[in-house]
Amino acid sequence: MAFEVDQEQERVRLTSDLQEKALSLPESPEFSRPSSTEHLAHFPQLRALAAAETREVPLPAWSVLCTALGLQRAPADLYRMVNALPQMLSMRTDSAGAEYVRFRVEGVRHLLRAQLPLSLQEHSNITHALLAESLHLGTTGPWRTQGPAAEYAFHALPIHSAATDMLIALSQNPRFLANVDRHALVTGLKLSHPHGIPTGNPASDVHYLEAAGVEPATHEEWICWLHWASMNRGATDFAEELARSAGELPWLTRWSRWRPYGIFGPSPRQDDAEADWLEIGVANGVDVVVSAREIEDSEMDGDVDPESNLCVLESLWRLDDGTPLGGAAQVQLYLDAGVTVRASGRAFEPVEEPDAAQRTPAPRVPSTATCRIEAPDGTLVYGGIGGILALHVFDPARVTSSPQWLKRPLLNARLSSAEWPLPEALQGSASPGQSWYEAVFGSDSCHVASPSELPAGITHAESIQFLAEVGLPDLDEELPYVSFVRPEALAEVARPPCRPLPVPARSSVWATGPVSTCSWTEHQDTSTLMNAVDPTHASPHPSPLQSDH
């Protein structure tokens, strides 16, 4: 295990006086052991440098920060300061001639910040000044490459904007999202929304991609996945602008039938595309991709041939745009050494994949994409419990295929989802009935219990009625506050503490996330208990590419 630490004394709490031991300054009548207040009085531009969110700052970016705070920004003034404080500041010039300034001791920056904190208005001024040097430049391509100030905005703008509550709104601008650093974006979202990211906006995609273990090697790979998440939501215009604003990308999602983030309950558009494996073929002269899902013999409409080896549901989708071609067909497969030799009820003719030497490098994907196939034209199709998606690779040399990502972050995800709105069906006073719950949690998932089977501690009349008529879904003990004793009886369990709890996830039922138990009533009202679950994590259809723990 490797640890990265700051240099000695960088995070040590410094005294209000910059002592010679912490900061050696040239002995002169003007600068003999000055206090931080005196430093700021002589060189107010130090406050702008201390306000920076990177350890070293391009000189033009420092100038922009000075302007935002109403300070002198002329390069001559900044050079004079660096030369006057050689023990406090250092400057380097890179191979391209760009100049960068930093504090020699990081703790000095924190001390100066504490000495004269920025006001909310000053945070806003900095954010707008950086926007003028980046997002508002008017360029159609990537603005992050348009000079040193834009380079600084790439790394720091999300954090500056977090202090002004502008970050969520900015994240809905594809030109902003395409040109800010992922780590800065995640940090800014954590600072601005420590209790969870609001649902229904692209910032929520950032959270779920992190939770799915997506750790891109490059900024371009990160934008490819943000583009994919937007395509899943059907936000094609947003996705196209995101791709245009990012510059040349190694690959992009061609079309997607993958379940988008933030959906509670069934989603026929994506659920019908769930795939155990994939095939490429031709149906009525049209190139198709086939998603196949194994089913039980009992699910077949007609008689099952005892000579067949496998029953599957096969759905056909146009290879070029993902349009469905008819409904799912029930097919019986006849296998020889694991290879299909005959298929009864099949509606397409299979096509072989390209030879291994001719295949396109495949972008790595989270673990819930469990199968992949390549079409003769190079289109890559992935499938899994979330559905299917098709990718087009533009630059094979820049495709990152390995190492594969973990099923979830090595450490806990930094971001979380805000509380989800209650589904419309549950917002009224009347229960929607068992059929609604089983449509959400799965067929035959709700177990009803007679009053004699209920624990004595449940006395609330409406809860008893709910348990007797609708029932609670049996989720294999994945609810931390409900226990089923086989075959179907409820058992009384200890009430969990009033805090978010980790929920073990099963990809076919729940997605990982917190469960709030604070909204229980004194009588453990079952309807309140059900509403306490964050719907982000309560769907039997997991978030796209969500880890299968």
Protein backbone atom coordinates (compact mmCIF):
# COMPACT_ATOMS: atom_id res chain seq x y z
CA MET A 1 0.00 0.00 0.00
CA ALA A 2 1.39 3.41 -0.97
CA PHE A 3 0.74 6.69 0.82
CA GLU A 4 1.33 10.19 -0.53
CA VAL A 5 2.05 12.84 2.08
CA ASP A 6 2.83 16.52 1.98
CA GLN A 7 6.29 17.87 2.54
CA GLU A 8 7.41 18.41 6.10
CA GLN A 9 5.47 21.17 7.86
CA GLU A 10 3.15 21.74 4.92
CA ARG A 11 0.06 20.70 6.87
CA VAL A 12 1.34 21.74 10.29
CA ARG A 13 -0.77 24.42 11.89
CA LEU A 14 1.36 27.57 11.74
CA THR A 15 1.33 30.41 14.22
CA SER A 16 -0.03 33.79 13.23
CA ASP A 17 3.54 35.02 12.97
CA LEU A 18 5.63 33.67 10.07
CA GLN A 19 8.57 32.66 12.21
CA GLU A 20 12.05 32.37 10.79
CA LYS A 21 12.05 28.60 11.38
CA ALA A 22 8.99 28.15 9.20
CA LEU A 23 9.94 30.81 6.67
CA SER A 24 13.41 32.30 6.31
CA LEU A 25 13.31 35.74 4.73
CA PRO A 26 16.18 38.02 3.76
CA GLU A 27 17.19 40.21 6.66
CA SER A 28 16.31 43.77 5.75
CA PRO A 29 14.65 46.68 7.51
CA GLU A 30 11.52 46.07 5.44
CA PHE A 31 11.23 42.30 5.80
CA SER A 32 12.62 41.33 9.16
CA ARG A 33 10.33 38.59 10.54
CA PRO A 34 7.13 40.13 9.18
CA SER A 35 3.68 38.93 10.13
CA SER A 36 1.22 37.54 7.61
CA THR A 37 -0.74 40.80 7.89
CA GLU A 38 2.35 42.76 6.92
CA HIS A 39 2.99 40.46 3.97
CA LEU A 40 -0.53 41.03 2.68
CA ALA A 41 -0.18 44.77 3.22
CA HIS A 42 3.03 44.96 1.19
CA PHE A 43 2.03 42.39 -1.43
CA PRO A 44 -1.79 42.06 -1.59
CA GLN A 45 -1.43 39.84 -4.67
CA LEU A 46 -0.34 37.08 -2.26
CA ARG A 47 -3.99 36.77 -1.30
CA ALA A 48 -4.91 35.97 -4.91
CA LEU A 49 -2.15 33.36 -5.12
CA ALA A 50 -3.32 31.82 -1.85
CA ALA A 51 -6.86 31.63 -3.27
CA ALA A 52 -5.68 29.35 -6.08
CA GLU A 53 -6.85 25.72 -6.00
CA THR A 54 -3.69 24.21 -7.46
CA ARG A 55 -0.27 24.11 -5.85
CA GLU A 56 1.35 25.93 -8.72
CA VAL A 57 -0.38 28.53 -10.83
CA PRO A 58 0.36 29.76 -14.35
CA LEU A 59 1.41 33.39 -14.17
CA PRO A 60 -1.49 34.54 -16.41
CA ALA A 61 -3.95 32.67 -14.17
CA TRP A 62 -2.52 34.43 -11.12
CA SER A 63 -3.11 37.67 -12.97
CA VAL A 64 -6.77 36.70 -13.57
CA LEU A 65 -7.21 35.92 -9.87
CA CYS A 66 -5.74 39.30 -9.00
CA THR A 67 -8.19 41.06 -11.32
CA ALA A 68 -11.11 39.18 -9.76
CA LEU A 69 -10.06 40.46 -6.33
CA GLY A 70 -9.49 44.01 -7.54
CA LEU A 71 -5.69 43.85 -7.25
CA GLN A 72 -2.84 44.97 -9.49
CA ARG A 73 -2.34 42.34 -12.17
CA ALA A 74 0.51 43.73 -14.27
CA PRO A 75 3.17 41.06 -14.88
CA ALA A 76 5.85 43.49 -13.67
CA ASP A 77 4.16 43.67 -10.26
CA LEU A 78 3.98 39.89 -10.02
CA TYR A 79 7.61 39.42 -11.07
CA ARG A 80 8.67 42.02 -8.47
CA MET A 81 6.87 40.08 -5.76
CA VAL A 82 8.48 36.76 -6.71
CA ASN A 83 11.91 38.39 -6.71
CA ALA A 84 11.29 40.10 -3.38
CA LEU A 85 10.16 36.89 -1.63
CA PRO A 86 12.55 34.17 -2.84
CA GLN A 87 12.15 32.17 0.38
CA MET A 88 8.37 32.23 0.13
CA LEU A 89 7.71 31.92 -3.60
CA SER A 90 9.27 29.96 -6.41
CA MET A 91 8.85 30.19 -10.17
CA ARG A 92 9.59 27.67 -12.89
CA THR A 93 9.45 27.82 -16.67
CA ASP A 94 8.41 24.73 -18.61
CA SER A 95 9.73 23.59 -21.98
CA ALA A 96 7.11 25.64 -23.80
CA GLY A 97 8.10 28.84 -21.98
CA ALA A 98 5.06 28.97 -19.66
CA GLU A 99 5.79 30.32 -16.18
CA TYR A 100 4.33 28.85 -13.00
CA VAL A 101 4.40 30.25 -9.44
CA ARG A 102 3.91 28.46 -6.15
CA PHE A 103 4.48 28.82 -2.41
CA ARG A 104 7.58 26.97 -1.33
CA VAL A 105 5.76 25.79 1.80
CA GLU A 106 2.13 24.82 1.28
CA GLY A 107 1.23 25.73 4.86
CA VAL A 108 1.85 29.40 4.09
CA ARG A 109 -1.00 29.35 1.60
CA HIS A 110 -3.37 28.00 4.24
CA LEU A 111 -2.14 30.57 6.73
CA LEU A 112 -2.78 33.46 4.34
CA ARG A 113 -6.22 32.08 3.52
CA ALA A 114 -7.10 31.93 7.20
CA GLN A 115 -5.76 35.43 7.76
CA LEU A 116 -8.18 37.02 5.29
CA PRO A 117 -10.82 34.54 4.01
CA LEU A 118 -12.58 35.16 0.73
CA SER A 119 -16.13 36.46 0.86
CA LEU A 120 -18.95 34.84 -1.12
CA GLN A 121 -18.85 37.77 -3.53
CA GLU A 122 -15.12 37.30 -4.06
CA HIS A 123 -15.65 33.59 -4.76
CA SER A 124 -18.26 34.61 -7.32
CA ASN A 125 -15.90 37.17 -8.87
CA ILE A 126 -13.19 34.53 -9.26
CA THR A 127 -15.61 32.07 -10.83
CA HIS A 128 -16.90 34.59 -13.37
CA ALA A 129 -13.37 35.77 -14.17
CA LEU A 130 -12.32 32.20 -14.92
CA LEU A 131 -15.46 31.57 -16.97
CA ALA A 132 -14.52 34.56 -19.12
CA GLU A 133 -11.15 32.91 -19.78
CA SER A 134 -12.60 29.47 -20.51
CA LEU A 135 -16.23 28.56 -21.08
CA HIS A 136 -17.16 31.98 -22.44
CA LEU A 137 -14.30 32.23 -24.93
CA GLY A 138 -16.66 31.41 -27.79
CA THR A 139 -14.60 28.55 -29.19
CA THR A 140 -16.38 25.50 -30.60
CA GLY A 141 -13.73 22.97 -29.65
CA PRO A 142 -11.98 22.26 -26.35
CA TRP A 143 -11.40 25.52 -24.47
CA ARG A 144 -9.10 23.85 -21.94
CA THR A 145 -6.23 24.19 -24.43
CA GLN A 146 -6.74 27.92 -25.05
CA GLY A 147 -3.90 29.28 -22.95
CA PRO A 148 -2.55 29.14 -19.37
CA ALA A 149 -5.63 30.69 -17.73
CA ALA A 150 -7.90 28.12 -19.43
CA GLU A 151 -5.49 25.38 -18.36
CA TYR A 152 -5.87 26.54 -14.76
CA ALA A 153 -9.67 26.67 -15.15
CA PHE A 154 -9.60 23.04 -16.33
CA HIS A 155 -8.11 22.02 -12.97
CA ALA A 156 -9.74 24.52 -10.62
CA LEU A 157 -12.99 25.97 -11.97
CA PRO A 158 -15.22 23.21 -10.49
CA ILE A 159 -13.84 23.91 -7.02
CA HIS A 160 -14.13 27.69 -7.30
CA SER A 161 -17.70 27.40 -8.61
CA ALA A 162 -18.62 24.99 -5.79
CA ALA A 163 -18.24 27.85 -3.31
CA THR A 164 -20.91 29.84 -5.17
CA ASP A 165 -23.51 27.06 -5.68
CA MET A 166 -23.00 27.37 -9.43
CA LEU A 167 -21.47 23.95 -10.05
CA ILE A 168 -24.65 21.92 -10.63
CA ALA A 169 -25.92 24.51 -13.12
CA LEU A 170 -22.55 24.61 -14.89
CA SER A 171 -22.52 20.81 -15.06
CA GLN A 172 -25.61 20.98 -17.24
CA ASN A 173 -23.55 22.81 -19.86
CA PRO A 174 -21.83 20.18 -22.07
CA ARG A 175 -18.99 22.60 -22.95
CA PHE A 176 -18.18 22.97 -19.26
CA LEU A 177 -18.42 19.26 -18.51
CA ALA A 178 -16.20 18.36 -21.46
CA ASN A 179 -13.37 20.63 -20.35
CA VAL A 180 -12.94 20.23 -16.59
CA ASP A 181 -10.81 17.69 -14.79
CA ARG A 182 -12.68 14.68 -13.39
CA HIS A 183 -10.97 14.79 -10.00
CA ALA A 184 -11.67 18.52 -9.65
CA LEU A 185 -15.29 17.91 -10.68
CA VAL A 186 -15.79 15.17 -8.11
CA THR A 187 -14.10 17.27 -5.42
CA GLY A 188 -16.23 20.29 -6.27
CA LEU A 189 -19.45 18.26 -6.21
CA LYS A 190 -18.51 16.81 -2.83
CA LEU A 191 -17.87 20.30 -1.47
CA SER A 192 -21.05 21.81 -2.89
CA HIS A 193 -23.34 18.86 -2.13
CA PRO A 194 -21.92 16.88 0.81
CA HIS A 195 -25.30 15.24 1.46
CA GLY A 196 -25.86 13.98 -2.06
CA ILE A 197 -26.05 15.00 -5.71
CA PRO A 198 -29.53 16.04 -6.88
CA THR A 199 -31.09 13.60 -9.29
CA GLY A 200 -32.09 14.28 -12.86
CA ASN A 201 -28.97 16.10 -14.08
CA PRO A 202 -25.59 15.17 -15.62
CA ALA A 203 -23.81 15.64 -12.28
CA SER A 204 -25.67 12.57 -11.09
CA ASP A 205 -23.95 10.59 -13.87
CA VAL A 206 -20.61 11.61 -12.37
CA HIS A 207 -21.61 10.02 -9.06
CA TYR A 208 -22.82 6.76 -10.57
CA LEU A 209 -19.83 6.37 -12.86
CA GLU A 210 -17.60 6.72 -9.82
CA ALA A 211 -19.69 4.15 -7.92
CA ALA A 212 -19.45 1.75 -10.88
CA GLY A 213 -15.66 1.76 -10.59
CA VAL A 214 -14.96 3.86 -13.69
CA GLU A 215 -11.37 5.12 -13.31
CA PRO A 216 -10.39 6.54 -16.71
CA ALA A 217 -6.74 6.73 -17.67
CA THR A 218 -7.20 9.92 -19.69
CA HIS A 219 -9.56 12.86 -19.80
CA GLU A 220 -10.72 11.70 -23.21
CA GLU A 221 -11.70 8.27 -21.86
CA TRP A 222 -13.69 10.02 -19.12
CA ILE A 223 -15.61 12.10 -21.66
CA CYS A 224 -16.40 8.94 -23.63
CA TRP A 225 -18.16 7.55 -20.57
CA LEU A 226 -20.01 10.79 -19.80
CA HIS A 227 -21.17 10.72 -23.43
CA TRP A 228 -22.36 7.13 -22.96
CA ALA A 229 -24.31 8.05 -19.81
CA SER A 230 -26.02 10.89 -21.68
CA MET A 231 -26.92 8.55 -24.55
CA ASN A 232 -28.48 6.17 -22.05
CA ARG A 233 -30.77 8.97 -20.84
CA GLY A 234 -31.78 9.78 -24.38
CA ALA A 235 -30.02 13.18 -24.18
CA THR A 236 -28.53 12.83 -27.66
CA ASP A 237 -28.17 16.58 -28.31
CA PHE A 238 -26.31 17.01 -25.02
CA ALA A 239 -24.10 14.02 -25.84
CA GLU A 240 -23.27 15.35 -29.31
CA GLU A 241 -22.31 18.78 -27.94
CA LEU A 242 -20.26 17.11 -25.22
CA ALA A 243 -18.28 15.19 -27.83
CA ARG A 244 -17.77 18.25 -30.06
CA SER A 245 -16.55 20.33 -27.11
CA ALA A 246 -14.05 17.72 -25.93
CA GLY A 247 -11.98 17.48 -29.09
CA GLU A 248 -10.89 14.25 -30.73
CA LEU A 249 -12.03 11.20 -28.76
CA PRO A 250 -10.81 7.59 -29.11
CA TRP A 251 -14.33 6.12 -29.26
CA LEU A 252 -17.97 7.03 -28.77
CA THR A 253 -21.27 5.32 -28.08
CA ARG A 254 -23.03 4.76 -31.39
CA TRP A 255 -26.35 3.90 -29.78
CA SER A 256 -27.48 2.57 -26.44
CA ARG A 257 -30.24 0.41 -25.04
CA TRP A 258 -28.63 0.39 -21.63
CA ARG A 259 -30.60 1.29 -18.55
CA PRO A 260 -29.87 4.93 -17.62
CA TYR A 261 -28.90 6.09 -14.17
CA GLY A 262 -31.69 7.26 -11.93
CA ILE A 263 -34.66 5.12 -12.99
CA PHE A 264 -36.86 3.39 -10.42
CA GLY A 265 -38.81 0.34 -11.50
CA PRO A 266 -39.22 -1.24 -14.93
CA SER A 267 -37.93 0.46 -18.07
CA PRO A 268 -39.12 -1.56 -21.07
CA ARG A 269 -36.86 0.27 -23.55
CA GLN A 270 -33.78 -1.08 -21.78
CA ASP A 271 -35.07 -4.09 -19.84
CA ASP A 272 -36.07 -5.87 -23.05
CA ALA A 273 -32.43 -5.65 -24.16
CA GLU A 274 -30.97 -7.52 -21.17
CA ALA A 275 -28.43 -9.98 -22.54
CA ASP A 276 -26.69 -13.11 -21.29
CA TRP A 277 -24.82 -13.25 -24.60
CA LEU A 278 -24.81 -11.56 -28.01
CA GLU A 279 -24.75 -12.57 -31.64
CA ILE A 280 -24.35 -10.73 -34.93
CA GLY A 281 -26.48 -11.69 -37.91
CA VAL A 282 -28.69 -10.72 -40.82
CA ALA A 283 -32.51 -10.64 -40.76
CA ASN A 284 -34.41 -9.90 -43.98
CA GLY A 285 -31.32 -8.28 -45.46
CA VAL A 286 -30.71 -6.04 -42.42
CA ASP A 287 -27.58 -6.29 -40.26
CA VAL A 288 -28.67 -7.00 -36.69
CA VAL A 289 -27.30 -7.58 -33.24
CA VAL A 290 -29.12 -10.20 -31.18
CA SER A 291 -29.44 -10.09 -27.40
CA ALA A 292 -30.13 -13.53 -25.97
CA ARG A 293 -31.37 -14.34 -22.50
CA GLU A 294 -31.71 -17.84 -21.08
CA ILE A 295 -35.16 -18.79 -19.79
CA GLU A 296 -36.63 -21.81 -18.03
CA ASP A 297 -38.47 -24.49 -19.99
CA SER A 298 -41.62 -23.57 -18.05
CA GLU A 299 -41.51 -20.05 -19.53
CA MET A 300 -41.89 -21.37 -23.07
CA ASP A 301 -45.32 -20.90 -24.61
CA GLY A 302 -45.40 -24.29 -26.35
CA ASP A 303 -43.94 -27.71 -25.84
CA VAL A 304 -40.21 -28.02 -25.37
CA ASP A 305 -38.36 -30.52 -27.50
CA PRO A 306 -36.60 -32.90 -25.07
CA GLU A 307 -33.71 -33.07 -27.55
CA SER A 308 -33.02 -29.34 -27.26
CA ASN A 309 -30.38 -28.15 -24.82
CA LEU A 310 -31.37 -24.58 -24.05
CA CYS A 311 -34.36 -22.25 -24.20
CA VAL A 312 -33.68 -18.57 -24.82
CA LEU A 313 -35.38 -15.29 -25.62
CA GLU A 314 -33.77 -13.61 -28.63
CA SER A 315 -34.37 -9.92 -29.43
CA LEU A 316 -33.20 -8.34 -32.68
CA TRP A 317 -31.87 -4.79 -32.98
CA ARG A 318 -30.66 -2.93 -36.04
CA LEU A 319 -26.88 -2.80 -35.93
CA ASP A 320 -26.71 0.75 -37.27
CA ASP A 321 -29.02 2.51 -34.79
CA GLY A 322 -30.38 -0.02 -32.24
CA THR A 323 -33.98 0.07 -33.47
CA PRO A 324 -35.85 -3.04 -32.28
CA LEU A 325 -37.03 -5.42 -34.99
CA GLY A 326 -40.16 -7.13 -33.70
CA GLY A 327 -40.63 -8.66 -30.30
CA ALA A 328 -38.57 -11.24 -28.48
CA ALA A 329 -38.67 -14.72 -29.98
CA GLN A 330 -38.63 -17.94 -27.96
CA VAL A 331 -35.92 -20.15 -29.39
CA GLN A 332 -34.76 -23.68 -28.62
CA LEU A 333 -31.05 -24.31 -29.13
CA TYR A 334 -29.39 -27.60 -29.96
CA LEU A 335 -25.76 -27.70 -28.91
CA ASP A 336 -22.76 -29.86 -29.69
CA ALA A 337 -19.73 -29.32 -27.42
CA GLY A 338 -21.16 -25.95 -26.44
CA VAL A 339 -21.62 -24.79 -30.05
CA THR A 340 -25.08 -24.14 -31.52
CA VAL A 341 -25.70 -26.54 -34.40
CA ARG A 342 -29.42 -25.83 -34.84
CA ALA A 343 -31.92 -23.29 -33.55
CA SER A 344 -35.69 -23.73 -33.63
CA GLY A 345 -37.68 -20.49 -33.95
CA ARG A 346 -34.70 -18.27 -34.78
CA ALA A 347 -35.41 -15.20 -36.95
CA PHE A 348 -31.92 -14.37 -38.24
CA GLU A 349 -28.88 -15.91 -39.89
CA PRO A 350 -25.72 -15.72 -37.72
CA VAL A 351 -22.58 -13.99 -39.02
CA GLU A 352 -19.12 -14.87 -37.77
CA GLU A 353 -16.94 -12.35 -35.94
CA PRO A 354 -13.75 -11.06 -37.57
CA ASP A 355 -10.59 -13.06 -36.99
CA ALA A 356 -8.73 -12.20 -33.79
CA ALA A 357 -5.94 -10.44 -35.69
CA GLN A 358 -8.46 -8.16 -37.41
CA ARG A 359 -10.51 -7.20 -34.38
CA THR A 360 -10.76 -3.66 -33.08
CA PRO A 361 -9.20 -2.90 -29.66
CA ALA A 362 -12.10 -2.98 -27.21
CA PRO A 363 -12.51 -0.22 -24.61
CA ARG A 364 -12.62 -1.53 -21.06
CA VAL A 365 -16.00 -1.40 -19.38
CA PRO A 366 -17.35 -1.90 -15.85
CA SER A 367 -17.94 -5.45 -14.74
CA THR A 368 -21.69 -5.61 -15.37
CA ALA A 369 -21.07 -5.58 -19.13
CA THR A 370 -20.61 -9.33 -19.23
CA CYS A 371 -20.48 -10.07 -22.95
CA ARG A 372 -19.08 -8.47 -26.10
CA ILE A 373 -19.14 -9.13 -29.82
CA GLU A 374 -17.71 -7.36 -32.86
CA ALA A 375 -19.54 -6.86 -36.13
CA PRO A 376 -17.79 -7.17 -39.50
CA ASP A 377 -17.82 -3.35 -39.85
CA GLY A 378 -15.89 -2.98 -36.57
CA THR A 379 -18.85 -1.96 -34.40
CA LEU A 380 -18.38 -3.26 -30.85
CA VAL A 381 -21.50 -4.33 -28.99
CA TYR A 382 -21.56 -4.95 -25.24
CA GLY A 383 -24.33 -6.63 -23.29
CA GLY A 384 -25.31 -7.43 -19.73
CA ILE A 385 -28.04 -7.03 -17.17
CA GLY A 386 -28.37 -3.33 -18.06
CA GLY A 387 -29.07 -3.96 -21.75
CA ILE A 388 -26.90 -3.52 -24.83
CA LEU A 389 -24.81 -0.70 -26.28
CA ALA A 390 -22.81 -0.23 -29.46
CA LEU A 391 -19.49 1.63 -29.66
CA HIS A 392 -17.52 2.97 -32.60
CA VAL A 393 -13.75 3.22 -32.25
CA PHE A 394 -12.14 6.20 -34.03
CA ASP A 395 -8.54 5.83 -32.88
CA PRO A 396 -7.55 2.27 -31.89
CA ALA A 397 -4.13 3.48 -30.70
CA ARG A 398 -5.78 5.55 -27.94
CA VAL A 399 -8.19 2.87 -26.73
CA THR A 400 -7.52 1.72 -23.16
CA SER A 401 -8.39 -1.99 -22.91
CA SER A 402 -6.67 -2.91 -19.66
CA PRO A 403 -6.33 -3.24 -16.78
CA GLN A 404 -9.96 -4.00 -16.12
CA TRP A 405 -11.64 -1.84 -13.51
CA LEU A 406 -12.64 -3.11 -10.10
CA LYS A 407 -16.31 -3.84 -9.52
CA ARG A 408 -16.44 -0.79 -7.29
CA PRO A 409 -13.98 1.88 -6.08
CA LEU A 410 -11.07 0.61 -4.03
CA LEU A 411 -12.13 3.09 -1.37
CA ASN A 412 -15.66 4.30 -0.73
CA ALA A 413 -17.12 6.50 -3.46
CA ARG A 414 -16.69 10.14 -2.55
CA LEU A 415 -20.07 11.20 -3.91
CA SER A 416 -23.56 10.04 -3.03
CA SER A 417 -27.04 10.58 -4.37
CA ALA A 418 -29.47 12.97 -2.73
CA GLU A 419 -32.76 11.56 -1.51
CA TRP A 420 -34.89 10.47 -4.41
CA PRO A 421 -38.45 11.75 -4.89
CA LEU A 422 -41.14 9.26 -3.97
CA PRO A 423 -42.57 7.45 -7.02
CA GLU A 424 -45.87 8.95 -8.16
CA ALA A 425 -47.73 5.72 -7.45
CA LEU A 426 -46.84 6.03 -3.75
CA GLN A 427 -47.60 9.70 -3.33
CA GLY A 428 -51.32 9.23 -2.78
CA SER A 429 -53.01 8.05 0.39
CA ALA A 430 -53.98 4.67 -1.12
CA SER A 431 -51.53 1.87 -1.78
CA PRO A 432 -51.08 1.07 -5.49
CA GLY A 433 -51.56 -2.64 -4.79
CA GLN A 434 -49.39 -5.72 -4.94
CA SER A 435 -49.14 -5.69 -8.74
CA TRP A 436 -47.24 -2.38 -8.67
CA TYR A 437 -44.72 -3.61 -6.10
CA GLU A 438 -44.13 -6.87 -7.97
CA ALA A 439 -43.65 -4.96 -11.21
CA VAL A 440 -40.88 -3.08 -9.42
CA PHE A 441 -39.29 -5.80 -7.30
CA GLY A 442 -40.02 -8.82 -9.46
CA SER A 443 -42.75 -11.38 -10.00
CA ASP A 444 -43.85 -13.24 -6.85
CA SER A 445 -41.44 -11.16 -4.74
CA CYS A 446 -44.05 -9.88 -2.27
CA HIS A 447 -44.89 -12.20 0.61
CA VAL A 448 -48.13 -11.56 2.45
CA ALA A 449 -48.54 -12.59 6.06
CA SER A 450 -51.62 -13.23 8.14
CA PRO A 451 -51.95 -11.27 11.40
CA SER A 452 -51.00 -14.41 13.36
CA GLU A 453 -47.69 -14.59 11.51
CA LEU A 454 -46.68 -11.00 12.30
CA PRO A 455 -44.37 -10.09 15.17
CA ALA A 456 -46.19 -8.81 18.23
CA GLY A 457 -44.41 -5.48 17.93
CA ILE A 458 -46.37 -4.52 14.81
CA THR A 459 -49.63 -2.98 16.02
CA HIS A 460 -50.25 -0.22 13.50
CA ALA A 461 -53.52 -1.06 11.71
CA GLU A 462 -52.55 0.23 8.27
CA SER A 463 -49.21 -1.59 8.45
CA ILE A 464 -50.94 -4.86 9.31
CA GLN A 465 -53.32 -4.34 6.39
CA PHE A 466 -50.40 -3.64 4.04
CA LEU A 467 -48.53 -6.77 5.12
CA ALA A 468 -51.64 -8.90 4.78
CA GLU A 469 -52.79 -7.59 1.39
CA VAL A 470 -49.65 -6.38 -0.41
CA GLY A 471 -46.74 -7.87 1.51
CA LEU A 472 -43.07 -6.95 1.61
CA PRO A 473 -40.66 -8.06 -1.10
CA ASP A 474 -38.32 -10.83 -0.02
CA LEU A 475 -34.91 -9.61 -1.13
CA ASP A 476 -32.75 -12.35 0.34
CA GLU A 477 -32.18 -10.49 3.61
CA GLU A 478 -30.78 -7.45 1.81
CA LEU A 479 -33.01 -5.13 3.80
CA PRO A 480 -31.16 -4.50 7.08
CA TYR A 481 -34.38 -4.04 9.02
CA VAL A 482 -36.52 -6.93 7.68
CA SER A 483 -36.01 -10.65 8.15
CA PHE A 484 -37.98 -13.50 6.61
CA VAL A 485 -38.05 -16.89 8.29
CA ARG A 486 -38.64 -19.55 5.71
CA PRO A 487 -40.92 -20.17 4.13
CA GLU A 488 -42.52 -16.71 4.27
CA ALA A 489 -43.06 -15.45 7.80
CA LEU A 490 -41.74 -12.12 9.05
CA ALA A 491 -39.47 -12.12 12.08
CA GLU A 492 -38.75 -9.30 14.47
CA VAL A 493 -35.22 -7.92 14.20
CA ALA A 494 -33.28 -5.19 15.93
CA ARG A 495 -33.96 -1.69 14.77
CA PRO A 496 -30.86 -0.31 13.02
CA PRO A 497 -29.26 2.95 14.13
CA CYS A 498 -30.53 6.18 12.61
CA ARG A 499 -27.75 6.63 10.09
CA PRO A 500 -26.96 5.56 6.50
CA LEU A 501 -26.08 1.89 6.34
CA PRO A 502 -24.29 0.00 3.58
CA VAL A 503 -26.55 -2.45 1.80
CA PRO A 504 -25.03 -5.61 0.27
CA ALA A 505 -25.91 -5.48 -3.40
CA ARG A 506 -27.10 -8.19 -5.73
CA SER A 507 -27.01 -6.97 -9.30
CA SER A 508 -30.31 -8.63 -10.17
CA VAL A 509 -32.14 -6.86 -7.34
CA TRP A 510 -30.51 -3.91 -5.58
CA ALA A 511 -27.82 -1.38 -6.36
CA THR A 512 -25.40 -0.47 -3.59
CA GLY A 513 -26.33 2.56 -1.49
CA PRO A 514 -27.47 3.99 1.82
CA VAL A 515 -30.74 3.14 3.49
CA SER A 516 -32.26 5.82 5.67
CA THR A 517 -34.04 4.48 8.73
CA CYS A 518 -34.64 7.85 10.35
CA SER A 519 -38.16 8.14 8.97
CA TRP A 520 -39.58 5.15 10.83
CA THR A 521 -42.63 5.94 12.89
CA GLU A 522 -43.05 4.92 16.49
CA HIS A 523 -45.19 2.00 15.33
CA GLN A 524 -42.92 1.00 12.47
CA ASP A 525 -45.53 1.94 9.87
CA THR A 526 -44.75 -0.34 6.96
CA SER A 527 -45.66 2.23 4.34
CA THR A 528 -43.25 4.66 5.96
CA LEU A 529 -40.67 1.90 6.18
CA MET A 530 -40.95 1.25 2.46
CA ASN A 531 -40.70 4.96 1.69
CA ALA A 532 -37.53 5.23 3.78
CA VAL A 533 -35.54 3.34 1.17
CA ASP A 534 -33.65 5.60 -1.23
CA PRO A 535 -35.19 4.62 -4.59
CA THR A 536 -31.78 5.14 -6.15
CA HIS A 537 -30.90 1.81 -4.64
CA ALA A 538 -34.25 0.06 -4.53
CA SER A 539 -34.71 -1.07 -8.10
CA PRO A 540 -34.45 -4.70 -9.12
CA HIS A 541 -33.04 -3.29 -12.35
CA PRO A 542 -29.66 -1.92 -11.27
CA SER A 543 -28.10 1.32 -12.38
CA PRO A 544 -26.22 0.95 -15.67
CA LEU A 545 -22.95 -0.91 -15.39
CA GLN A 546 -23.46 -0.97 -11.60
CA SER A 547 -21.16 -3.32 -9.73
CA ASP A 548 -22.30 -6.83 -8.94
CA HIS A 549 -20.94 -7.26 -5.42
